[in-house]
Amino acid sequence: MAELVFEIKLDPNKCTGCGTCVDECPMGVYEIVTVGRKKQSRVKDLDMCLGCHTCELRCPYEAVKVYPPLEDLEKILQS
């Protein structure tokens, strides 16, 4: 069976680069980078994501969204 790969969307208009996602993620999925003159979060290792939504729940700016693997979405839509 293939490993589940979650989809993570980071909204660059909301992300301030505060580092909450980096600090809270138990798997080290995120890193902070400088884009132009602005700091923001970036996914550095998507394969490590457990889909626990900790980053999404703790982000004070609602800049992170975690989506289940496509196969799970298809099952939900069919039920």
N, C-alpha and C. Protein backbone atom coordinates (compact mmCIF):
# COMPACT_ATOMS: atom_id res chain seq x y z
N MET A 1 0.84 -1.19 0.00
CA MET A 1 0.00 0.00 0.00
C MET A 1 0.88 1.25 0.00
N ALA A 2 0.52 2.22 -0.81
CA ALA A 2 1.29 3.47 -0.90
C ALA A 2 1.08 4.31 0.35
N GLU A 3 2.09 5.09 0.69
CA GLU A 3 1.97 5.99 1.82
C GLU A 3 1.03 7.14 1.46
N LEU A 4 0.34 7.65 2.47
CA LEU A 4 -0.56 8.77 2.24
C LEU A 4 0.24 10.06 2.16
N VAL A 5 -0.07 10.87 1.18
CA VAL A 5 0.60 12.17 1.04
C VAL A 5 -0.48 13.25 1.12
N PHE A 6 -0.39 14.05 2.15
CA PHE A 6 -1.34 15.13 2.35
C PHE A 6 -0.96 16.32 1.48
N GLU A 7 -1.93 17.16 1.21
CA GLU A 7 -1.67 18.39 0.47
C GLU A 7 -1.70 19.55 1.46
N ILE A 8 -0.70 20.40 1.39
CA ILE A 8 -0.63 21.57 2.27
C ILE A 8 -0.63 22.82 1.41
N LYS A 9 -1.53 23.73 1.74
CA LYS A 9 -1.60 25.02 1.06
C LYS A 9 -1.20 26.10 2.06
N LEU A 10 -0.22 26.89 1.68
CA LEU A 10 0.21 28.03 2.48
C LEU A 10 -0.18 29.30 1.75
N ASP A 11 -0.94 30.16 2.41
CA ASP A 11 -1.37 31.41 1.79
C ASP A 11 -0.30 32.48 2.02
N PRO A 12 0.44 32.86 0.98
CA PRO A 12 1.51 33.84 1.15
C PRO A 12 1.00 35.23 1.54
N ASN A 13 -0.28 35.49 1.30
CA ASN A 13 -0.86 36.78 1.69
C ASN A 13 -1.18 36.84 3.18
N LYS A 14 -1.31 35.68 3.81
CA LYS A 14 -1.60 35.62 5.25
C LYS A 14 -0.38 35.28 6.09
N CYS A 15 0.55 34.53 5.52
CA CYS A 15 1.73 34.08 6.26
C CYS A 15 2.65 35.26 6.57
N THR A 16 3.03 35.38 7.84
CA THR A 16 3.94 36.45 8.27
C THR A 16 5.34 35.94 8.56
N GLY A 17 5.53 34.63 8.45
CA GLY A 17 6.83 34.05 8.78
C GLY A 17 7.09 34.00 10.27
N CYS A 18 6.03 33.93 11.06
CA CYS A 18 6.17 33.95 12.52
C CYS A 18 6.85 32.68 13.06
N GLY A 19 6.77 31.58 12.31
CA GLY A 19 7.43 30.35 12.72
C GLY A 19 6.60 29.42 13.58
N THR A 20 5.33 29.75 13.81
CA THR A 20 4.49 28.88 14.62
C THR A 20 4.40 27.48 14.01
N CYS A 21 4.22 27.39 12.71
CA CYS A 21 4.11 26.07 12.06
C CYS A 21 5.41 25.28 12.23
N VAL A 22 6.54 25.95 12.14
CA VAL A 22 7.84 25.30 12.32
C VAL A 22 7.95 24.76 13.75
N ASP A 23 7.57 25.59 14.72
CA ASP A 23 7.67 25.20 16.12
C ASP A 23 6.69 24.11 16.52
N GLU A 24 5.49 24.13 15.96
CA GLU A 24 4.44 23.22 16.38
C GLU A 24 4.41 21.89 15.63
N CYS A 25 4.93 21.84 14.42
CA CYS A 25 4.87 20.60 13.63
C CYS A 25 5.75 19.53 14.27
N PRO A 26 5.17 18.39 14.65
CA PRO A 26 5.97 17.35 15.29
C PRO A 26 6.91 16.62 14.33
N MET A 27 6.73 16.82 13.04
CA MET A 27 7.52 16.08 12.06
C MET A 27 8.51 16.94 11.28
N GLY A 28 8.59 18.23 11.57
CA GLY A 28 9.56 19.09 10.90
C GLY A 28 9.27 19.32 9.43
N VAL A 29 8.00 19.46 9.10
CA VAL A 29 7.58 19.62 7.70
C VAL A 29 7.95 21.00 7.15
N TYR A 30 8.01 22.02 8.01
CA TYR A 30 8.14 23.40 7.55
C TYR A 30 9.52 23.99 7.81
N GLU A 31 9.81 25.06 7.07
CA GLU A 31 10.97 25.89 7.32
C GLU A 31 10.58 27.33 6.99
N ILE A 32 11.31 28.28 7.54
CA ILE A 32 11.09 29.69 7.24
C ILE A 32 12.13 30.13 6.23
N VAL A 33 11.67 30.81 5.18
CA VAL A 33 12.55 31.31 4.13
C VAL A 33 12.28 32.80 3.93
N THR A 34 13.20 33.47 3.29
CA THR A 34 13.02 34.87 2.95
C THR A 34 12.72 34.96 1.46
N VAL A 35 11.58 35.57 1.15
CA VAL A 35 11.17 35.77 -0.24
C VAL A 35 11.13 37.27 -0.46
N GLY A 36 12.06 37.75 -1.25
CA GLY A 36 12.21 39.20 -1.37
C GLY A 36 12.69 39.74 -0.04
N ARG A 37 11.88 40.58 0.58
CA ARG A 37 12.23 41.11 1.90
C ARG A 37 11.30 40.56 2.97
N LYS A 38 10.48 39.59 2.61
CA LYS A 38 9.49 39.05 3.54
C LYS A 38 9.84 37.62 3.94
N LYS A 39 9.70 37.33 5.22
CA LYS A 39 9.86 35.96 5.69
C LYS A 39 8.52 35.25 5.58
N GLN A 40 8.58 33.98 5.18
CA GLN A 40 7.35 33.18 5.15
C GLN A 40 7.70 31.71 5.27
N SER A 41 6.69 30.94 5.59
CA SER A 41 6.85 29.50 5.76
C SER A 41 6.86 28.81 4.41
N ARG A 42 7.56 27.67 4.38
CA ARG A 42 7.59 26.84 3.18
C ARG A 42 7.62 25.38 3.62
N VAL A 43 6.95 24.53 2.84
CA VAL A 43 6.99 23.09 3.11
C VAL A 43 8.34 22.58 2.63
N LYS A 44 9.10 21.97 3.54
CA LYS A 44 10.41 21.44 3.14
C LYS A 44 10.39 19.94 2.98
N ASP A 45 9.41 19.23 3.60
CA ASP A 45 9.37 17.78 3.49
C ASP A 45 7.93 17.28 3.62
N LEU A 46 7.18 17.38 2.53
CA LEU A 46 5.77 17.00 2.53
C LEU A 46 5.56 15.53 2.88
N ASP A 47 6.48 14.67 2.51
CA ASP A 47 6.34 13.24 2.79
C ASP A 47 6.28 12.94 4.28
N MET A 48 6.77 13.84 5.12
CA MET A 48 6.76 13.64 6.57
C MET A 48 5.43 14.01 7.21
N CYS A 49 4.55 14.69 6.49
CA CYS A 49 3.28 15.16 7.06
C CYS A 49 2.40 14.00 7.49
N LEU A 50 1.95 14.04 8.75
CA LEU A 50 1.05 13.02 9.30
C LEU A 50 -0.42 13.38 9.10
N GLY A 51 -0.68 14.61 8.69
CA GLY A 51 -2.05 15.06 8.56
C GLY A 51 -2.72 15.34 9.89
N CYS A 52 -1.93 15.69 10.89
CA CYS A 52 -2.48 15.92 12.24
C CYS A 52 -3.16 17.28 12.37
N HIS A 53 -2.93 18.18 11.43
CA HIS A 53 -3.53 19.52 11.39
C HIS A 53 -3.05 20.45 12.50
N THR A 54 -2.02 20.07 13.23
CA THR A 54 -1.51 20.94 14.30
C THR A 54 -1.11 22.30 13.75
N CYS A 55 -0.42 22.30 12.63
CA CYS A 55 0.02 23.56 12.02
C CYS A 55 -1.17 24.44 11.67
N GLU A 56 -2.18 23.82 11.09
CA GLU A 56 -3.38 24.54 10.67
C GLU A 56 -4.12 25.12 11.88
N LEU A 57 -4.24 24.33 12.93
CA LEU A 57 -4.96 24.76 14.12
C LEU A 57 -4.22 25.83 14.91
N ARG A 58 -2.90 25.81 14.88
CA ARG A 58 -2.10 26.73 15.69
C ARG A 58 -1.69 28.00 14.96
N CYS A 59 -1.80 28.02 13.63
CA CYS A 59 -1.39 29.22 12.89
C CYS A 59 -2.27 30.40 13.29
N PRO A 60 -1.68 31.45 13.87
CA PRO A 60 -2.49 32.58 14.32
C PRO A 60 -3.06 33.42 13.18
N TYR A 61 -2.59 33.18 11.96
CA TYR A 61 -3.03 33.97 10.81
C TYR A 61 -3.87 33.18 9.81
N GLU A 62 -4.19 31.93 10.17
CA GLU A 62 -4.99 31.04 9.31
C GLU A 62 -4.39 30.93 7.91
N ALA A 63 -3.06 30.84 7.85
CA ALA A 63 -2.35 30.79 6.57
C ALA A 63 -2.11 29.36 6.08
N VAL A 64 -2.39 28.36 6.92
CA VAL A 64 -2.10 26.97 6.59
C VAL A 64 -3.39 26.17 6.46
N LYS A 65 -3.49 25.40 5.40
CA LYS A 65 -4.61 24.47 5.22
C LYS A 65 -4.01 23.11 4.86
N VAL A 66 -4.47 22.06 5.54
CA VAL A 66 -4.00 20.70 5.28
C VAL A 66 -5.18 19.91 4.73
N TYR A 67 -4.97 19.28 3.58
CA TYR A 67 -6.02 18.51 2.93
C TYR A 67 -5.63 17.04 2.89
N PRO A 68 -6.62 16.15 3.06
CA PRO A 68 -6.32 14.71 3.02
C PRO A 68 -5.92 14.28 1.62
N PRO A 69 -5.30 13.11 1.52
CA PRO A 69 -4.94 12.59 0.20
C PRO A 69 -6.17 12.47 -0.69
N LEU A 70 -5.98 12.58 -1.98
CA LEU A 70 -7.07 12.54 -2.95
C LEU A 70 -7.93 11.29 -2.80
N GLU A 71 -7.31 10.15 -2.51
CA GLU A 71 -8.08 8.91 -2.37
C GLU A 71 -9.10 9.03 -1.24
N ASP A 72 -8.71 9.67 -0.14
CA ASP A 72 -9.63 9.86 0.98
C ASP A 72 -10.78 10.78 0.60
N LEU A 73 -10.49 11.83 -0.16
CA LEU A 73 -11.55 12.74 -0.59
C LEU A 73 -12.55 12.03 -1.49
N GLU A 74 -12.05 11.18 -2.37
CA GLU A 74 -12.94 10.43 -3.26
C GLU A 74 -13.86 9.51 -2.46
N LYS A 75 -13.33 8.87 -1.42
CA LYS A 75 -14.15 7.99 -0.57
C LYS A 75 -15.24 8.79 0.15
N ILE A 76 -14.87 9.96 0.65
CA ILE A 76 -15.83 10.81 1.35
C ILE A 76 -16.95 11.24 0.41
N LEU A 77 -16.59 11.64 -0.79
CA LEU A 77 -17.59 12.09 -1.76
C LEU A 77 -18.51 10.97 -2.21
N GLN A 78 -18.02 9.74 -2.23
CA GLN A 78 -18.82 8.60 -2.67
C GLN A 78 -19.77 8.11 -1.59
N SER A 79 -19.50 8.45 -0.33
CA SER A 79 -20.35 7.94 0.75
C SER A 79 -21.51 8.87 1.05
